[in-house]
């Protein structure tokens, strides 16, 4: 039975780095993700004066409840949305002048609802060029706290940033949310804050965060469930079997729910205490699914949809249009390049069944790691697929192509396994 060692969760690693930096004492992170995004987050903390010690399997962070150790810093957030949204929020709790910039890709991604909420809390935050986008400067003098209203309809990261800030304010925060996408990511945040000694209370759309700070701890990072989706999908489309250890019944990440979609499509799924296994049955049914809460796995489903026996319709994924690229259109365009019939709307995509063309089509990645990793799954059944930017997977999984190639070799041994393909 092929077992796949999935790297640590990007979402959990980013939150853990924030919590460790804010906690009183030294925190040890076990098996954090080492990728461009998380290295960028750690580098940003270092620029703000936090000590981050790194070995291959553990990172240690000296927390500073009072905020950054330097009075001035210039931080480049690379492509990382968590870095670009969490670090200015962390810096706001300190005292000093901190400038943040990011890659052209990240500069395009929205920040306005979080900026508005921070300003409502009295934070001096200035966007230098385009309002609601990087670059920005925070002139920090601590945060008093109190009541704030937030629109988290574009990204749950806005709410996570405020929740993480809450214990660092003098009064705590009472956050009223008017809209929320990707709600399971907020549950990750709340569970992790609990591990660092803070109990968040929720009453409907209101989140109550007490003041008082965080306690340092030792925290183990679970494997990335979004990344695991490509390997689970590989089993489903090839009739093979894949087990991911470390992701089981107690997993924090909502994206593990992707296996429930595969189950609805006809795959056999077992979620045990310590691992999850998906076994393909040689058939995939069409499905209509709301992916609002697991939208990072939308491209994974889109990439295997042509192999289903009926149409696959994915709904309520408007927020995927403001990710690293417009993922909904990127999936549609690449599927059309393969000869697949696709229709889209503002927040949905419908994919008709049909064997994709195998004439050496090149997938346009838009620099988005999830587009490349998703269509690598398509490549298990469609020989000759290539990518214009295969290296963009370094954002979350630098060794993806090697690991996926090894899995392909093992899945080829299954009776209904894929033919050879190039990626």
Protein backbone atom coordinates (compact mmCIF):
# COMPACT_ATOMS: atom_id res chain seq x y z
CA UNK A 1 0.00 0.00 0.00
CA UNK A 2 1.68 3.28 -1.08
CA UNK A 3 2.18 5.61 1.87
CA UNK A 4 2.96 9.24 1.12
CA UNK A 5 4.88 11.47 3.50
CA UNK A 6 3.17 14.84 3.11
CA UNK A 7 5.04 17.93 4.35
CA UNK A 8 3.66 19.96 7.23
CA UNK A 9 0.62 22.18 6.80
CA UNK A 10 1.34 25.65 5.44
CA UNK A 11 -1.67 27.10 7.26
CA UNK A 12 -0.71 25.56 10.58
CA UNK A 13 2.98 26.47 10.24
CA UNK A 14 2.16 30.14 9.56
CA UNK A 15 -0.21 30.36 12.52
CA UNK A 16 2.28 28.56 14.74
CA UNK A 17 5.03 31.03 13.82
CA UNK A 18 2.77 33.97 14.75
CA UNK A 19 1.74 32.34 18.03
CA UNK A 20 5.32 31.40 18.90
CA UNK A 21 6.51 34.95 18.22
CA UNK A 22 3.75 36.40 20.39
CA UNK A 23 4.06 33.90 23.27
CA UNK A 24 5.91 34.37 26.55
CA UNK A 25 8.88 31.99 26.35
CA UNK A 26 10.53 29.73 23.81
CA UNK A 27 8.29 27.65 21.54
CA UNK A 28 9.44 24.56 19.64
CA UNK A 29 7.67 23.71 16.39
CA UNK A 30 7.98 20.05 15.37
CA UNK A 31 8.00 19.16 11.63
CA UNK A 32 7.03 22.60 10.36
CA UNK A 33 6.66 23.05 6.61
CA UNK A 34 9.86 24.20 4.92
CA UNK A 35 8.82 25.97 1.74
CA UNK A 36 9.14 29.39 0.15
CA UNK A 37 6.05 30.69 1.99
CA UNK A 38 7.06 29.55 5.46
CA UNK A 39 10.72 30.45 5.02
CA UNK A 40 9.49 33.90 4.01
CA UNK A 41 7.39 34.11 7.18
CA UNK A 42 10.34 33.08 9.36
CA UNK A 43 12.59 35.56 7.56
CA UNK A 44 10.00 38.29 8.18
CA UNK A 45 10.02 37.51 11.91
CA UNK A 46 13.81 37.74 11.88
CA UNK A 47 13.63 41.16 10.19
CA UNK A 48 11.28 42.26 12.98
CA UNK A 49 13.87 41.21 15.56
CA UNK A 50 12.53 37.83 16.68
CA UNK A 51 15.02 34.99 17.13
CA UNK A 52 14.13 31.97 14.99
CA UNK A 53 16.41 28.94 15.26
CA UNK A 54 15.99 26.33 12.52
CA UNK A 55 17.07 22.69 12.31
CA UNK A 56 15.74 20.24 9.69
CA UNK A 57 12.88 18.91 11.87
CA UNK A 58 12.28 21.63 14.47
CA UNK A 59 12.16 25.42 14.67
CA UNK A 60 12.53 27.33 17.91
CA UNK A 61 11.15 30.82 18.35
CA UNK A 62 11.89 33.20 21.23
CA UNK A 63 8.56 34.89 21.89
CA UNK A 64 8.18 38.61 22.57
CA UNK A 65 4.70 39.45 23.96
CA UNK A 66 5.65 43.14 23.76
CA UNK A 67 6.12 42.99 19.99
CA UNK A 68 9.05 43.33 17.57
CA UNK A 69 12.53 43.79 19.02
CA UNK A 70 13.43 46.54 16.55
CA UNK A 71 11.93 50.01 16.17
CA UNK A 72 12.17 49.99 12.38
CA UNK A 73 12.06 47.21 9.79
CA UNK A 74 11.52 46.63 6.10
CA UNK A 75 9.90 43.23 5.48
CA UNK A 76 9.41 41.51 2.12
CA UNK A 77 6.55 39.01 2.27
CA UNK A 78 7.37 37.23 -1.01
CA UNK A 79 4.28 35.41 -2.39
CA UNK A 80 2.90 34.45 1.02
CA UNK A 81 -0.63 35.61 1.80
CA UNK A 82 -0.37 34.54 5.45
CA UNK A 83 2.95 36.39 5.74
CA UNK A 84 1.52 39.50 4.07
CA UNK A 85 -1.58 39.56 6.26
CA UNK A 86 -0.37 38.21 9.59
CA UNK A 87 2.96 40.01 10.03
CA UNK A 88 1.61 43.60 9.73
CA UNK A 89 -1.05 42.62 12.28
CA UNK A 90 1.61 41.22 14.64
CA UNK A 91 3.74 44.36 14.20
CA UNK A 92 0.75 46.59 15.04
CA UNK A 93 0.87 45.28 18.63
CA UNK A 94 4.42 46.58 19.07
CA UNK A 95 6.01 50.02 18.99
CA UNK A 96 7.83 51.23 15.90
CA UNK A 97 7.60 51.86 12.16
CA UNK A 98 7.37 48.78 9.97
CA UNK A 99 7.14 48.67 6.19
CA UNK A 100 5.83 45.63 4.33
CA UNK A 101 6.02 44.82 0.63
CA UNK A 102 5.46 41.65 -1.40
CA UNK A 103 5.84 40.05 -4.82
CA UNK A 104 3.89 41.42 -7.80
CA UNK A 105 1.54 38.44 -7.44
CA UNK A 106 0.88 39.19 -3.78
CA UNK A 107 0.57 42.92 -4.45
CA UNK A 108 -2.47 42.12 -6.59
CA UNK A 109 -4.23 40.24 -3.81
CA UNK A 110 -6.68 42.19 -1.63
CA UNK A 111 -6.04 43.39 1.90
CA UNK A 112 -8.65 46.14 2.31
CA UNK A 113 -11.07 44.52 4.82
CA UNK A 114 -8.21 43.74 7.22
CA UNK A 115 -6.71 47.20 6.78
CA UNK A 116 -10.09 48.79 7.51
CA UNK A 117 -10.55 46.72 10.67
CA UNK A 118 -7.06 47.55 11.96
CA UNK A 119 -7.66 51.25 11.32
CA UNK A 120 -10.98 51.01 13.18
CA UNK A 121 -8.93 49.71 16.12
CA UNK A 122 -6.72 52.80 15.96
CA UNK A 123 -3.77 51.35 14.03
CA UNK A 124 -1.88 53.87 11.87
CA UNK A 125 -1.69 51.86 8.65
CA UNK A 126 -0.88 53.48 5.31
CA UNK A 127 -1.00 51.90 1.86
CA UNK A 128 1.77 53.52 -0.17
CA UNK A 129 0.53 52.99 -3.72
CA UNK A 130 -2.83 51.28 -4.23
CA UNK A 131 -5.35 51.44 -1.40
CA UNK A 132 -6.01 48.00 0.08
CA UNK A 133 -2.83 46.44 -1.33
CA UNK A 134 0.85 46.11 -0.54
CA UNK A 135 3.16 47.92 0.00
CA UNK A 136 2.07 49.34 3.35
CA UNK A 137 3.55 50.92 6.46
CA UNK A 138 2.40 50.36 10.04
CA UNK A 139 3.31 53.01 12.61
CA UNK A 140 2.69 50.90 15.68
CA UNK A 141 1.88 52.07 19.20
CA UNK A 142 0.14 48.99 20.59
CA UNK A 143 -3.55 48.18 20.16
CA UNK A 144 -6.16 49.07 22.76
CA UNK A 145 -8.75 46.57 21.55
CA UNK A 146 -12.52 46.68 21.82
CA UNK A 147 -15.26 46.19 19.24
CA UNK A 148 -14.60 45.81 15.53
CA UNK A 149 -16.61 44.67 12.51
CA UNK A 150 -15.01 42.64 9.71
CA UNK A 151 -16.02 41.43 6.27
CA UNK A 152 -14.26 38.07 5.80
CA UNK A 153 -16.10 37.15 2.61
CA UNK A 154 -12.92 37.28 0.49
CA UNK A 155 -10.61 35.47 2.88
CA UNK A 156 -10.83 33.86 6.30
CA UNK A 157 -7.23 35.03 6.83
CA UNK A 158 -8.55 38.49 7.72
CA UNK A 159 -10.47 37.03 10.66
CA UNK A 160 -7.56 34.78 11.65
CA UNK A 161 -5.23 37.81 11.76
CA UNK A 162 -7.58 39.66 14.13
CA UNK A 163 -8.16 36.59 16.30
CA UNK A 164 -4.40 36.10 16.66
CA UNK A 165 -4.00 39.79 17.53
CA UNK A 166 -6.70 39.76 20.21
CA UNK A 167 -4.66 38.48 23.19
CA UNK A 168 -1.95 41.07 22.43
CA UNK A 169 -4.38 43.99 22.83
CA UNK A 170 -4.94 45.73 26.15
CA UNK A 171 -8.70 45.06 26.31
CA UNK A 172 -9.15 42.02 24.06
CA UNK A 173 -11.33 42.02 20.95
CA UNK A 174 -15.01 41.59 20.17
CA UNK A 175 -15.10 40.82 16.43
CA UNK A 176 -18.41 40.87 14.54
CA UNK A 177 -18.13 39.10 11.18
CA UNK A 178 -20.54 40.10 8.41
CA UNK A 179 -19.50 37.32 6.00
CA UNK A 180 -17.13 34.37 6.24
CA UNK A 181 -15.54 32.08 3.68
CA UNK A 182 -13.40 28.99 4.38
CA UNK A 183 -14.73 28.71 7.93
CA UNK A 184 -12.72 25.55 8.81
CA UNK A 185 -9.52 27.62 8.67
CA UNK A 186 -10.91 29.77 11.46
CA UNK A 187 -11.51 26.62 13.50
CA UNK A 188 -7.83 25.76 13.00
CA UNK A 189 -6.89 29.18 14.37
CA UNK A 190 -9.11 28.85 17.43
CA UNK A 191 -7.83 25.34 18.21
CA UNK A 192 -4.22 26.48 17.91
CA UNK A 193 -4.81 29.54 20.11
CA UNK A 194 -6.19 27.14 22.72
CA UNK A 195 -2.93 25.15 22.54
CA UNK A 196 -1.07 28.39 23.33
CA UNK A 197 -3.30 29.13 26.33
CA UNK A 198 -6.08 31.34 24.91
CA UNK A 199 -9.77 30.43 24.83
CA UNK A 200 -11.82 32.16 22.13
CA UNK A 201 -15.58 32.28 22.62
CA UNK A 202 -17.99 32.40 19.70
CA UNK A 203 -21.60 33.54 19.75
CA UNK A 204 -22.95 33.26 16.21
CA UNK A 205 -21.14 35.85 14.13
CA UNK A 206 -19.36 37.37 17.15
CA UNK A 207 -15.93 36.21 18.31
CA UNK A 208 -14.71 37.20 21.79
CA UNK A 209 -10.95 37.14 22.34
CA UNK A 210 -9.61 37.84 25.85
CA UNK A 211 -6.45 39.86 26.56
CA UNK A 212 -3.56 38.39 28.53
CA UNK A 213 -1.19 36.98 25.93
CA UNK A 214 0.01 33.49 24.97
CA UNK A 215 2.05 30.76 26.67
CA UNK A 216 4.98 29.16 24.85
CA UNK A 217 4.68 25.46 24.14
CA UNK A 218 5.93 22.59 21.98
CA UNK A 219 3.68 22.24 18.96
CA UNK A 220 3.63 19.45 16.35
CA UNK A 221 2.55 20.50 12.84
CA UNK A 222 0.29 17.99 11.09
CA UNK A 223 0.69 17.17 7.37
CA UNK A 224 -0.89 19.57 4.88
CA UNK A 225 -4.37 18.36 3.96
CA UNK A 226 -4.59 20.56 0.85
CA UNK A 227 -1.38 19.00 -0.46
CA UNK A 228 -2.65 15.53 0.44
CA UNK A 229 -5.65 16.10 -1.86
CA UNK A 230 -3.48 15.58 -4.98
CA UNK A 231 -2.33 12.18 -3.76
CA UNK A 232 -5.82 11.12 -2.70
CA UNK A 233 -7.12 12.22 -6.11
CA UNK A 234 -4.34 10.22 -7.78
CA UNK A 235 -5.64 7.06 -6.14
CA UNK A 236 -9.22 7.86 -7.16
CA UNK A 237 -8.43 8.35 -10.87
CA UNK A 238 -6.07 5.38 -11.23
CA UNK A 239 -7.81 2.67 -9.25
CA UNK A 240 -4.81 2.66 -6.93
CA UNK A 241 -4.54 3.13 -3.18
CA UNK A 242 -2.86 5.88 -1.17
CA UNK A 243 -2.46 6.28 2.58
CA UNK A 244 -1.38 9.52 4.24
CA UNK A 245 -0.18 9.00 7.81
CA UNK A 246 -0.62 11.82 10.30
CA UNK A 247 -4.01 12.91 8.94
CA UNK A 248 -6.85 11.15 10.70
CA UNK A 249 -10.01 11.66 12.73
CA UNK A 250 -8.52 14.36 14.92
CA UNK A 251 -7.06 16.47 12.09
CA UNK A 252 -7.52 20.21 12.43
CA UNK A 253 -7.68 20.97 8.72
CA UNK A 254 -11.03 21.18 7.01
CA UNK A 255 -9.49 20.37 3.65
CA UNK A 256 -9.37 16.72 4.69
CA UNK A 257 -13.06 16.93 3.82
CA UNK A 258 -11.98 16.57 0.19
CA UNK A 259 -11.97 12.81 0.73
CA UNK A 260 -15.71 13.01 1.40
CA UNK A 261 -16.12 14.41 -2.13
CA UNK A 262 -14.08 11.49 -3.49
CA UNK A 263 -16.29 9.11 -1.51
CA UNK A 264 -19.42 10.64 -3.07
CA UNK A 265 -17.81 10.13 -6.49
CA UNK A 266 -17.28 6.42 -5.84
CA UNK A 267 -13.88 6.03 -4.19
CA UNK A 268 -13.43 3.93 -1.05
CA UNK A 269 -12.29 6.13 1.83
CA UNK A 270 -11.13 5.16 5.31
CA UNK A 271 -10.40 7.87 7.88
CA UNK A 272 -8.70 6.21 10.83
CA UNK A 273 -7.28 7.59 14.07
CA UNK A 274 -3.81 8.20 12.66
CA UNK A 275 -4.14 8.01 8.87
CA UNK A 276 -6.48 8.36 5.90
CA UNK A 277 -6.63 5.93 2.96
CA UNK A 278 -8.29 6.42 -0.43
CA UNK A 279 -8.71 3.51 -2.85
CA UNK A 280 -9.94 4.02 -6.38
CA UNK A 281 -12.68 1.69 -7.60
CA UNK A 282 -12.20 2.22 -11.33
CA UNK A 283 -15.17 4.58 -11.59
CA UNK A 284 -15.95 8.19 -10.69
CA UNK A 285 -19.49 9.60 -10.67
CA UNK A 286 -20.46 13.14 -11.54
CA UNK A 287 -21.25 15.33 -8.56
CA UNK A 288 -22.51 18.79 -7.59
CA UNK A 289 -20.63 20.06 -4.57
CA UNK A 290 -20.43 23.27 -2.55
CA UNK A 291 -16.73 23.86 -1.89
CA UNK A 292 -16.98 27.17 -0.01
CA UNK A 293 -15.33 25.66 3.06
CA UNK A 294 -12.64 23.68 1.18
CA UNK A 295 -12.00 25.96 -1.77
CA UNK A 296 -8.24 25.32 -1.89
CA UNK A 297 -9.11 21.83 -3.17
CA UNK A 298 -11.36 23.14 -5.94
CA UNK A 299 -8.56 22.85 -8.56
CA UNK A 300 -7.91 19.25 -7.48
CA UNK A 301 -11.51 18.30 -8.17
CA UNK A 302 -11.57 20.27 -11.42
CA UNK A 303 -8.47 18.43 -12.63
CA UNK A 304 -10.03 14.98 -12.21
CA UNK A 305 -13.57 15.97 -13.23
CA UNK A 306 -13.20 14.95 -16.92
CA UNK A 307 -12.76 11.33 -15.83
CA UNK A 308 -16.17 11.22 -14.10
CA UNK A 309 -19.16 9.53 -15.72
CA UNK A 310 -21.27 12.69 -15.50
CA UNK A 311 -20.86 16.45 -15.10
CA UNK A 312 -18.99 17.84 -12.11
CA UNK A 313 -20.33 21.16 -10.86
CA UNK A 314 -18.41 23.08 -8.17
CA UNK A 315 -20.33 25.90 -6.48
CA UNK A 316 -19.77 28.81 -4.07
CA UNK A 317 -16.08 29.34 -4.86
CA UNK A 318 -15.98 33.04 -5.75
CA UNK A 319 -13.05 33.52 -3.38
CA UNK A 320 -10.87 31.31 -5.58
CA UNK A 321 -10.77 34.21 -8.04
CA UNK A 322 -8.58 36.24 -5.64
CA UNK A 323 -6.00 33.59 -4.76
CA UNK A 324 -2.51 33.37 -6.30
CA UNK A 325 -4.39 33.70 -9.57
CA UNK A 326 -8.02 33.52 -10.68
CA UNK A 327 -8.09 29.78 -10.04
CA UNK A 328 -11.57 29.28 -11.39
CA UNK A 329 -10.66 30.71 -14.80
CA UNK A 330 -7.21 29.07 -14.73
CA UNK A 331 -8.83 25.65 -14.31
CA UNK A 332 -11.36 26.40 -17.04
CA UNK A 333 -8.71 27.57 -19.51
CA UNK A 334 -6.42 24.61 -18.93
CA UNK A 335 -9.25 22.10 -19.20
CA UNK A 336 -10.30 23.71 -22.49
CA UNK A 337 -6.70 23.39 -23.70
CA UNK A 338 -7.18 19.65 -23.13
CA UNK A 339 -10.39 19.64 -25.14
CA UNK A 340 -12.75 19.44 -22.15
CA UNK A 341 -16.11 21.27 -22.23
CA UNK A 342 -16.32 23.76 -19.37
CA UNK A 343 -18.75 26.51 -18.37
CA UNK A 344 -18.22 29.03 -15.58
CA UNK A 345 -20.12 31.66 -13.64
CA UNK A 346 -19.18 34.22 -11.00
CA UNK A 347 -18.79 31.57 -8.29
CA UNK A 348 -19.11 28.20 -10.07
CA UNK A 349 -17.58 25.93 -12.67
CA UNK A 350 -19.17 22.97 -14.46
CA UNK A 351 -17.03 20.38 -16.23
CA UNK A 352 -18.39 17.86 -18.70
CA UNK A 353 -17.01 14.34 -18.86
CA UNK A 354 -14.71 13.47 -21.72
CA UNK A 355 -11.26 12.01 -22.28
CA UNK A 356 -8.86 14.97 -22.48
CA UNK A 357 -6.65 15.38 -25.54
CA UNK A 358 -3.19 13.86 -25.29
CA UNK A 359 -1.24 15.91 -27.80
CA UNK A 360 1.39 17.26 -25.44
CA UNK A 361 -0.65 20.16 -24.06
CA UNK A 362 1.20 22.67 -21.89
CA UNK A 363 -0.60 23.72 -18.71
CA UNK A 364 -0.49 27.45 -17.98
CA UNK A 365 0.34 27.71 -14.31
CA UNK A 366 -0.04 31.47 -13.69
CA UNK A 367 2.72 30.94 -11.13
CA UNK A 368 0.21 29.13 -8.91
CA UNK A 369 1.44 26.02 -7.11
CA UNK A 370 -2.05 24.56 -6.80
CA UNK A 371 -2.70 24.69 -10.55
CA UNK A 372 0.51 22.74 -11.24
CA UNK A 373 -0.07 20.14 -8.53
CA UNK A 374 -3.72 19.64 -9.55
CA UNK A 375 -2.98 19.11 -13.24
CA UNK A 376 -0.15 16.75 -12.36
CA UNK A 377 -3.01 14.45 -11.30
CA UNK A 378 -4.63 14.87 -14.72
CA UNK A 379 -1.26 13.86 -16.16
CA UNK A 380 -1.63 10.41 -14.62
CA UNK A 381 -4.28 9.67 -17.24
CA UNK A 382 -3.23 12.05 -20.03
CA UNK A 383 0.26 11.44 -21.45
CA UNK A 384 2.40 14.38 -22.49
CA UNK A 385 1.16 17.10 -20.15
CA UNK A 386 3.81 19.70 -19.32
CA UNK A 387 3.90 22.95 -17.34
CA UNK A 388 5.18 26.41 -18.21
CA UNK A 389 6.40 26.94 -14.62
CA UNK A 390 6.75 23.58 -12.82
CA UNK A 391 9.03 25.11 -10.18
CA UNK A 392 6.30 27.28 -8.64
CA UNK A 393 5.44 24.32 -6.38
CA UNK A 394 8.30 25.49 -4.14
CA UNK A 395 5.74 27.82 -2.52
CA UNK A 396 4.37 24.92 -0.48
CA UNK A 397 6.05 21.66 -1.56
CA UNK A 398 9.53 21.98 -3.12
CA UNK A 399 9.83 18.21 -3.55
CA UNK A 400 6.39 17.70 -5.10
CA UNK A 401 7.46 16.48 -8.54
CA UNK A 402 9.86 13.91 -7.09
CA UNK A 403 7.30 12.62 -4.58
CA UNK A 404 4.53 12.54 -7.18
CA UNK A 405 6.80 10.78 -9.68
CA UNK A 406 7.58 8.11 -7.09
CA UNK A 407 3.87 7.65 -6.42
CA UNK A 408 3.17 7.36 -10.14
CA UNK A 409 5.69 4.54 -10.41
CA UNK A 410 3.97 2.67 -7.57
CA UNK A 411 0.46 3.28 -8.91
CA UNK A 412 1.49 1.93 -12.31
CA UNK A 413 1.48 -1.49 -10.67
CA UNK A 414 -2.28 -1.39 -10.13
CA UNK A 415 -4.43 -3.18 -12.71
CA UNK A 416 -6.28 -0.01 -13.75
CA UNK A 417 -3.33 2.27 -13.14
CA UNK A 418 -2.37 5.12 -15.44
CA UNK A 419 -0.25 5.03 -18.51
CA UNK A 420 3.01 6.86 -18.61
CA UNK A 421 2.86 10.63 -18.55
CA UNK A 422 5.30 13.48 -18.57
CA UNK A 423 5.28 16.38 -16.18
